[in-house]
Amino acid sequence: MGVEITGLPQAIVPKTLEKYAGSEYTNVGSLKEPDFEALHELQPDVIFISGRQAELYDQFAEIAPTVFVEVDYANYMS
């Protein structure tokens, strides 16, 4: 997508994303318990969330424009 990643939840980072597990990226909590203070300090241009964070959408949207990305588990790769 050509965007710079500055922070992500680092509680559990899958192997496919382990390049983002380093200290050069801000740990913004976990998928179910985001660190809103750390996220706010980053002053992000945009925040992407999935179903695990959907109930927290309004709190994310107070920090930055927030995009909910829903996964179709019946057509996962599409």
PDB file of N, CA and C in Angstrom:
ATOM      1  N   MET A   1       0.809  -1.200   0.000  1.00  0.00           N
ATOM      2  CA  MET A   1       0.000   0.000   0.000  1.00  0.00           C
ATOM      3  C   MET A   1       0.849   1.260   0.000  1.00  0.00           C
ATOM      4  N   GLY A   2       2.122   1.104   0.246  1.00  0.00           N
ATOM      5  CA  GLY A   2       2.992   2.271   0.227  1.00  0.00           C
ATOM      6  C   GLY A   2       2.856   3.183   1.424  1.00  0.00           C
ATOM      7  N   VAL A   3       2.451   2.640   2.574  1.00  0.00           N
ATOM      8  CA  VAL A   3       2.317   3.442   3.784  1.00  0.00           C
ATOM      9  C   VAL A   3       3.396   3.052   4.784  1.00  0.00           C
ATOM     10  N   GLU A   4       3.737   3.980   5.639  1.00  0.00           N
ATOM     11  CA  GLU A   4       4.740   3.724   6.670  1.00  0.00           C
ATOM     12  C   GLU A   4       4.046   3.228   7.933  1.00  0.00           C
ATOM     13  N   ILE A   5       4.426   2.044   8.387  1.00  0.00           N
ATOM     14  CA  ILE A   5       3.882   1.483   9.615  1.00  0.00           C
ATOM     15  C   ILE A   5       4.654   2.095  10.781  1.00  0.00           C
ATOM     16  N   THR A   6       3.931   2.647  11.762  1.00  0.00           N
ATOM     17  CA  THR A   6       4.599   3.245  12.918  1.00  0.00           C
ATOM     18  C   THR A   6       4.276   2.524  14.213  1.00  0.00           C
ATOM     19  N   GLY A   7       3.124   1.842  14.248  1.00  0.00           N
ATOM     20  CA  GLY A   7       2.740   1.134  15.463  1.00  0.00           C
ATOM     21  C   GLY A   7       1.794  -0.004  15.145  1.00  0.00           C
ATOM     22  N   LEU A   8       1.819  -1.016  15.990  1.00  0.00           N
ATOM     23  CA  LEU A   8       0.933  -2.155  15.848  1.00  0.00           C
ATOM     24  C   LEU A   8       0.852  -2.894  17.171  1.00  0.00           C
ATOM     25  N   PRO A   9      -0.203  -3.710  17.351  1.00  0.00           N
ATOM     26  CA  PRO A   9      -0.279  -4.506  18.573  1.00  0.00           C
ATOM     27  C   PRO A   9       0.787  -5.592  18.530  1.00  0.00           C
ATOM     28  N   GLN A  10       1.696  -5.584  19.473  1.00  0.00           N
ATOM     29  CA  GLN A  10       2.816  -6.525  19.440  1.00  0.00           C
ATOM     30  C   GLN A  10       2.699  -7.653  20.459  1.00  0.00           C
ATOM     31  N   ALA A  11       1.527  -7.812  21.082  1.00  0.00           N
ATOM     32  CA  ALA A  11       1.365  -8.895  22.057  1.00  0.00           C
ATOM     33  C   ALA A  11       1.618 -10.241  21.393  1.00  0.00           C
ATOM     34  N   ILE A  12       1.059 -10.448  20.218  1.00  0.00           N
ATOM     35  CA  ILE A  12       1.292 -11.659  19.429  1.00  0.00           C
ATOM     36  C   ILE A  12       1.461 -11.222  17.981  1.00  0.00           C
ATOM     37  N   VAL A  13       2.666 -11.368  17.451  1.00  0.00           N
ATOM     38  CA  VAL A  13       2.934 -10.985  16.074  1.00  0.00           C
ATOM     39  C   VAL A  13       3.185 -12.265  15.275  1.00  0.00           C
ATOM     40  N   PRO A  14       2.367 -12.542  14.257  1.00  0.00           N
ATOM     41  CA  PRO A  14       2.570 -13.751  13.461  1.00  0.00           C
ATOM     42  C   PRO A  14       3.872 -13.690  12.672  1.00  0.00           C
ATOM     43  N   LYS A  15       4.395 -14.850  12.310  1.00  0.00           N
ATOM     44  CA  LYS A  15       5.670 -14.915  11.579  1.00  0.00           C
ATOM     45  C   LYS A  15       5.661 -14.063  10.318  1.00  0.00           C
ATOM     46  N   THR A  16       4.528 -14.003   9.649  1.00  0.00           N
ATOM     47  CA  THR A  16       4.446 -13.233   8.408  1.00  0.00           C
ATOM     48  C   THR A  16       4.633 -11.732   8.622  1.00  0.00           C
ATOM     49  N   LEU A  17       4.487 -11.277   9.874  1.00  0.00           N
ATOM     50  CA  LEU A  17       4.641  -9.849  10.183  1.00  0.00           C
ATOM     51  C   LEU A  17       5.765  -9.582  11.176  1.00  0.00           C
ATOM     52  N   GLU A  18       6.617 -10.573  11.422  1.00  0.00           N
ATOM     53  CA  GLU A  18       7.621 -10.419  12.474  1.00  0.00           C
ATOM     54  C   GLU A  18       8.617  -9.291  12.224  1.00  0.00           C
ATOM     55  N   LYS A  19       8.734  -8.819  10.987  1.00  0.00           N
ATOM     56  CA  LYS A  19       9.624  -7.675  10.740  1.00  0.00           C
ATOM     57  C   LYS A  19       9.125  -6.418  11.462  1.00  0.00           C
ATOM     58  N   TYR A  20       7.842  -6.411  11.874  1.00  0.00           N
ATOM     59  CA  TYR A  20       7.270  -5.273  12.591  1.00  0.00           C
ATOM     60  C   TYR A  20       7.312  -5.440  14.109  1.00  0.00           C
ATOM     61  N   ALA A  21       7.955  -6.479  14.591  1.00  0.00           N
ATOM     62  CA  ALA A  21       7.982  -6.750  16.035  1.00  0.00           C
ATOM     63  C   ALA A  21       9.113  -6.015  16.756  1.00  0.00           C
ATOM     64  N   GLY A  22       9.946  -5.301  16.034  1.00  0.00           N
ATOM     65  CA  GLY A  22      11.090  -4.627  16.627  1.00  0.00           C
ATOM     66  C   GLY A  22      10.736  -3.361  17.382  1.00  0.00           C
ATOM     67  N   SER A  23      11.692  -2.876  18.125  1.00  0.00           N
ATOM     68  CA  SER A  23      11.489  -1.689  18.957  1.00  0.00           C
ATOM     69  C   SER A  23      11.344  -0.395  18.143  1.00  0.00           C
ATOM     70  N   GLU A  24      11.628  -0.449  16.846  1.00  0.00           N
ATOM     71  CA  GLU A  24      11.445   0.745  16.020  1.00  0.00           C
ATOM     72  C   GLU A  24       9.968   1.015  15.719  1.00  0.00           C
ATOM     73  N   TYR A  25       9.096   0.060  16.084  1.00  0.00           N
ATOM     74  CA  TYR A  25       7.657   0.225  15.935  1.00  0.00           C
ATOM     75  C   TYR A  25       7.038   0.326  17.322  1.00  0.00           C
ATOM     76  N   THR A  26       6.105   1.241  17.485  1.00  0.00           N
ATOM     77  CA  THR A  26       5.454   1.436  18.774  1.00  0.00           C
ATOM     78  C   THR A  26       4.459   0.316  19.041  1.00  0.00           C
ATOM     79  N   ASN A  27       4.539  -0.261  20.226  1.00  0.00           N
ATOM     80  CA  ASN A  27       3.591  -1.281  20.650  1.00  0.00           C
ATOM     81  C   ASN A  27       2.321  -0.567  21.117  1.00  0.00           C
ATOM     82  N   VAL A  28       1.219  -0.816  20.429  1.00  0.00           N
ATOM     83  CA  VAL A  28      -0.043  -0.158  20.780  1.00  0.00           C
ATOM     84  C   VAL A  28      -1.005  -1.125  21.482  1.00  0.00           C
ATOM     85  N   GLY A  29      -0.448  -2.049  22.257  1.00  0.00           N
ATOM     86  CA  GLY A  29      -1.259  -2.959  23.067  1.00  0.00           C
ATOM     87  C   GLY A  29      -1.493  -4.289  22.395  1.00  0.00           C
ATOM     88  N   SER A  30      -2.705  -4.791  22.567  1.00  0.00           N
ATOM     89  CA  SER A  30      -3.081  -6.061  21.955  1.00  0.00           C
ATOM     90  C   SER A  30      -4.347  -5.849  21.132  1.00  0.00           C
ATOM     91  N   LEU A  31      -4.745  -6.874  20.406  1.00  0.00           N
ATOM     92  CA  LEU A  31      -5.937  -6.737  19.565  1.00  0.00           C
ATOM     93  C   LEU A  31      -7.197  -6.479  20.371  1.00  0.00           C
ATOM     94  N   LYS A  32      -7.301  -7.085  21.537  1.00  0.00           N
ATOM     95  CA  LYS A  32      -8.489  -6.911  22.360  1.00  0.00           C
ATOM     96  C   LYS A  32      -8.340  -5.796  23.398  1.00  0.00           C
ATOM     97  N   GLU A  33      -7.102  -5.411  23.714  1.00  0.00           N
ATOM     98  CA  GLU A  33      -6.862  -4.350  24.696  1.00  0.00           C
ATOM     99  C   GLU A  33      -5.857  -3.341  24.139  1.00  0.00           C
ATOM    100  N   PRO A  34      -6.321  -2.454  23.240  1.00  0.00           N
ATOM    101  CA  PRO A  34      -5.421  -1.473  22.655  1.00  0.00           C
ATOM    102  C   PRO A  34      -4.927  -0.460  23.692  1.00  0.00           C
ATOM    103  N   ASP A  35      -3.729   0.037  23.479  1.00  0.00           N
ATOM    104  CA  ASP A  35      -3.167   1.093  24.313  1.00  0.00           C
ATOM    105  C   ASP A  35      -3.500   2.417  23.623  1.00  0.00           C
ATOM    106  N   PHE A  36      -4.650   2.983  23.960  1.00  0.00           N
ATOM    107  CA  PHE A  36      -5.114   4.196  23.286  1.00  0.00           C
ATOM    108  C   PHE A  36      -4.181   5.378  23.520  1.00  0.00           C
ATOM    109  N   GLU A  37      -3.533   5.424  24.664  1.00  0.00           N
ATOM    110  CA  GLU A  37      -2.587   6.513  24.941  1.00  0.00           C
ATOM    111  C   GLU A  37      -1.401   6.447  23.980  1.00  0.00           C
ATOM    112  N   ALA A  38      -0.828   5.256  23.810  1.00  0.00           N
ATOM    113  CA  ALA A  38       0.302   5.093  22.883  1.00  0.00           C
ATOM    114  C   ALA A  38      -0.133   5.404  21.461  1.00  0.00           C
ATOM    115  N   LEU A  39      -1.319   4.956  21.093  1.00  0.00           N
ATOM    116  CA  LEU A  39      -1.837   5.211  19.757  1.00  0.00           C
ATOM    117  C   LEU A  39      -2.036   6.706  19.519  1.00  0.00           C
ATOM    118  N   HIS A  40      -2.569   7.391  20.503  1.00  0.00           N
ATOM    119  CA  HIS A  40      -2.787   8.837  20.393  1.00  0.00           C
ATOM    120  C   HIS A  40      -1.460   9.576  20.217  1.00  0.00           C
ATOM    121  N   GLU A  41      -0.429   9.165  20.937  1.00  0.00           N
ATOM    122  CA  GLU A  41       0.883   9.812  20.840  1.00  0.00           C
ATOM    123  C   GLU A  41       1.483   9.690  19.444  1.00  0.00           C
ATOM    124  N   LEU A  42       1.132   8.632  18.719  1.00  0.00           N
ATOM    125  CA  LEU A  42       1.655   8.446  17.362  1.00  0.00           C
ATOM    126  C   LEU A  42       1.055   9.433  16.361  1.00  0.00           C
ATOM    127  N   GLN A  43      -0.098  10.008  16.686  1.00  0.00           N
ATOM    128  CA  GLN A  43      -0.821  10.903  15.782  1.00  0.00           C
ATOM    129  C   GLN A  43      -0.941  10.281  14.383  1.00  0.00           C
ATOM    130  N   PRO A  44      -1.558   9.108  14.295  1.00  0.00           N
ATOM    131  CA  PRO A  44      -1.636   8.423  12.997  1.00  0.00           C
ATOM    132  C   PRO A  44      -2.525   9.152  11.993  1.00  0.00           C
ATOM    133  N   ASP A  45      -2.229   8.947  10.714  1.00  0.00           N
ATOM    134  CA  ASP A  45      -3.055   9.499   9.647  1.00  0.00           C
ATOM    135  C   ASP A  45      -4.332   8.672   9.493  1.00  0.00           C
ATOM    136  N   VAL A  46      -4.222   7.381   9.756  1.00  0.00           N
ATOM    137  CA  VAL A  46      -5.353   6.471   9.622  1.00  0.00           C
ATOM    138  C   VAL A  46      -5.128   5.257  10.525  1.00  0.00           C
ATOM    139  N   ILE A  47      -6.210   4.653  10.983  1.00  0.00           N
ATOM    140  CA  ILE A  47      -6.151   3.447  11.807  1.00  0.00           C
ATOM    141  C   ILE A  47      -6.992   2.382  11.118  1.00  0.00           C
ATOM    142  N   PHE A  48      -6.442   1.184  10.951  1.00  0.00           N
ATOM    143  CA  PHE A  48      -7.169   0.058  10.380  1.00  0.00           C
ATOM    144  C   PHE A  48      -7.501  -0.910  11.499  1.00  0.00           C
ATOM    145  N   ILE A  49      -8.757  -1.310  11.586  1.00  0.00           N
ATOM    146  CA  ILE A  49      -9.180  -2.268  12.597  1.00  0.00           C
ATOM    147  C   ILE A  49      -9.937  -3.407  11.932  1.00  0.00           C
ATOM    148  N   SER A  50     -10.025  -4.523  12.652  1.00  0.00           N
ATOM    149  CA  SER A  50     -10.787  -5.675  12.159  1.00  0.00           C
ATOM    150  C   SER A  50     -11.904  -5.988  13.145  1.00  0.00           C
ATOM    151  N   GLY A  51     -12.543  -7.114  12.957  1.00  0.00           N
ATOM    152  CA  GLY A  51     -13.678  -7.489  13.781  1.00  0.00           C
ATOM    153  C   GLY A  51     -13.393  -7.520  15.267  1.00  0.00           C
ATOM    154  N   ARG A  52     -12.181  -7.855  15.656  1.00  0.00           N
ATOM    155  CA  ARG A  52     -11.831  -7.925  17.079  1.00  0.00           C
ATOM    156  C   ARG A  52     -11.890  -6.560  17.758  1.00  0.00           C
ATOM    157  N   GLN A  53     -11.732  -5.507  16.985  1.00  0.00           N
ATOM    158  CA  GLN A  53     -11.757  -4.161  17.546  1.00  0.00           C
ATOM    159  C   GLN A  53     -13.028  -3.392  17.207  1.00  0.00           C
ATOM    160  N   ALA A  54     -13.965  -4.018  16.508  1.00  0.00           N
ATOM    161  CA  ALA A  54     -15.150  -3.317  16.013  1.00  0.00           C
ATOM    162  C   ALA A  54     -15.911  -2.591  17.114  1.00  0.00           C
ATOM    163  N   GLU A  55     -16.029  -3.203  18.275  1.00  0.00           N
ATOM    164  CA  GLU A  55     -16.787  -2.555  19.358  1.00  0.00           C
ATOM    165  C   GLU A  55     -16.076  -1.318  19.906  1.00  0.00           C
ATOM    166  N   LEU A  56     -14.809  -1.141  19.558  1.00  0.00           N
ATOM    167  CA  LEU A  56     -14.027   0.012  20.017  1.00  0.00           C
ATOM    168  C   LEU A  56     -13.888   1.082  18.933  1.00  0.00           C
ATOM    169  N   TYR A  57     -14.625   0.931  17.840  1.00  0.00           N
ATOM    170  CA  TYR A  57     -14.508   1.822  16.699  1.00  0.00           C
ATOM    171  C   TYR A  57     -14.556   3.295  17.097  1.00  0.00           C
ATOM    172  N   ASP A  58     -15.534   3.682  17.903  1.00  0.00           N
ATOM    173  CA  ASP A  58     -15.686   5.094  18.279  1.00  0.00           C
ATOM    174  C   ASP A  58     -14.461   5.639  19.001  1.00  0.00           C
ATOM    175  N   GLN A  59     -13.839   4.817  19.845  1.00  0.00           N
ATOM    176  CA  GLN A  59     -12.636   5.264  20.560  1.00  0.00           C
ATOM    177  C   GLN A  59     -11.462   5.450  19.600  1.00  0.00           C
ATOM    178  N   PHE A  60     -11.327   4.549  18.621  1.00  0.00           N
ATOM    179  CA  PHE A  60     -10.270   4.717  17.613  1.00  0.00           C
ATOM    180  C   PHE A  60     -10.543   5.970  16.778  1.00  0.00           C
ATOM    181  N   ALA A  61     -11.805   6.168  16.394  1.00  0.00           N
ATOM    182  CA  ALA A  61     -12.170   7.295  15.532  1.00  0.00           C
ATOM    183  C   ALA A  61     -11.936   8.644  16.204  1.00  0.00           C
ATOM    184  N   GLU A  62     -11.881   8.692  17.533  1.00  0.00           N
ATOM    185  CA  GLU A  62     -11.555   9.934  18.233  1.00  0.00           C
ATOM    186  C   GLU A  62     -10.091  10.323  18.023  1.00  0.00           C
ATOM    187  N   ILE A  63      -9.265   9.338  17.697  1.00  0.00           N
ATOM    188  CA  ILE A  63      -7.824   9.568  17.526  1.00  0.00           C
ATOM    189  C   ILE A  63      -7.487   9.921  16.079  1.00  0.00           C
ATOM    190  N   ALA A  64      -8.072   9.187  15.133  1.00  0.00           N
ATOM    191  CA  ALA A  64      -7.773   9.386  13.707  1.00  0.00           C
ATOM    192  C   ALA A  64      -8.872   8.738  12.873  1.00  0.00           C
ATOM    193  N   PRO A  65      -8.946   9.088  11.585  1.00  0.00           N
ATOM    194  CA  PRO A  65      -9.891   8.379  10.724  1.00  0.00           C
ATOM    195  C   PRO A  65      -9.643   6.867  10.842  1.00  0.00           C
ATOM    196  N   THR A  66     -10.728   6.119  10.978  1.00  0.00           N
ATOM    197  CA  THR A  66     -10.612   4.690  11.240  1.00  0.00           C
ATOM    198  C   THR A  66     -11.346   3.904  10.157  1.00  0.00           C
ATOM    199  N   VAL A  67     -10.659   2.883   9.636  1.00  0.00           N
ATOM    200  CA  VAL A  67     -11.216   2.035   8.587  1.00  0.00           C
ATOM    201  C   VAL A  67     -11.431   0.640   9.159  1.00  0.00           C
ATOM    202  N   PHE A  68     -12.679   0.180   9.113  1.00  0.00           N
ATOM    203  CA  PHE A  68     -13.002  -1.169   9.552  1.00  0.00           C
ATOM    204  C   PHE A  68     -12.851  -2.097   8.358  1.00  0.00           C
ATOM    205  N   VAL A  69     -11.980  -3.091   8.494  1.00  0.00           N
ATOM    206  CA  VAL A  69     -11.724  -4.055   7.429  1.00  0.00           C
ATOM    207  C   VAL A  69     -12.328  -5.386   7.861  1.00  0.00           C
ATOM    208  N   GLU A  70     -13.424  -5.757   7.222  1.00  0.00           N
ATOM    209  CA  GLU A  70     -14.108  -7.003   7.574  1.00  0.00           C
ATOM    210  C   GLU A  70     -13.575  -8.133   6.701  1.00  0.00           C
ATOM    211  N   VAL A  71     -13.350  -9.282   7.305  1.00  0.00           N
ATOM    212  CA  VAL A  71     -12.852 -10.460   6.604  1.00  0.00           C
ATOM    213  C   VAL A  71     -14.032 -11.382   6.331  1.00  0.00           C
ATOM    214  N   ASP A  72     -14.157 -11.798   5.088  1.00  0.00           N
ATOM    215  CA  ASP A  72     -15.175 -12.777   4.708  1.00  0.00           C
ATOM    216  C   ASP A  72     -14.552 -14.158   4.855  1.00  0.00           C
ATOM    217  N   TYR A  73     -14.850 -14.818   5.959  1.00  0.00           N
ATOM    218  CA  TYR A  73     -14.217 -16.109   6.241  1.00  0.00           C
ATOM    219  C   TYR A  73     -14.644 -17.211   5.281  1.00  0.00           C
ATOM    220  N   ALA A  74     -15.753 -17.026   4.565  1.00  0.00           N
ATOM    221  CA  ALA A  74     -16.176 -17.994   3.564  1.00  0.00           C
ATOM    222  C   ALA A  74     -15.356 -17.831   2.276  1.00  0.00           C
ATOM    223  N   ASN A  75     -14.805 -16.637   2.071  1.00  0.00           N
ATOM    224  CA  ASN A  75     -14.010 -16.317   0.880  1.00  0.00           C
ATOM    225  C   ASN A  75     -12.744 -15.601   1.308  1.00  0.00           C
ATOM    226  N   TYR A  76     -12.011 -16.174   2.222  1.00  0.00           N
ATOM    227  CA  TYR A  76     -10.885 -15.514   2.888  1.00  0.00           C
ATOM    228  C   TYR A  76      -9.873 -14.903   1.914  1.00  0.00           C
ATOM    229  N   MET A  77      -9.421 -15.633   0.932  1.00  0.00           N
ATOM    230  CA  MET A  77      -8.373 -15.141   0.039  1.00  0.00           C
ATOM    231  C   MET A  77      -8.879 -14.073  -0.922  1.00  0.00           C
ATOM    232  N   SER A  78     -10.141 -14.053  -1.210  1.00  0.00           N
ATOM    233  CA  SER A  78     -10.694 -13.029  -2.117  1.00  0.00           C
ATOM    234  C   SER A  78     -10.658 -11.677  -1.426  1.00  0.00           C
TER     235      SER A  78
END
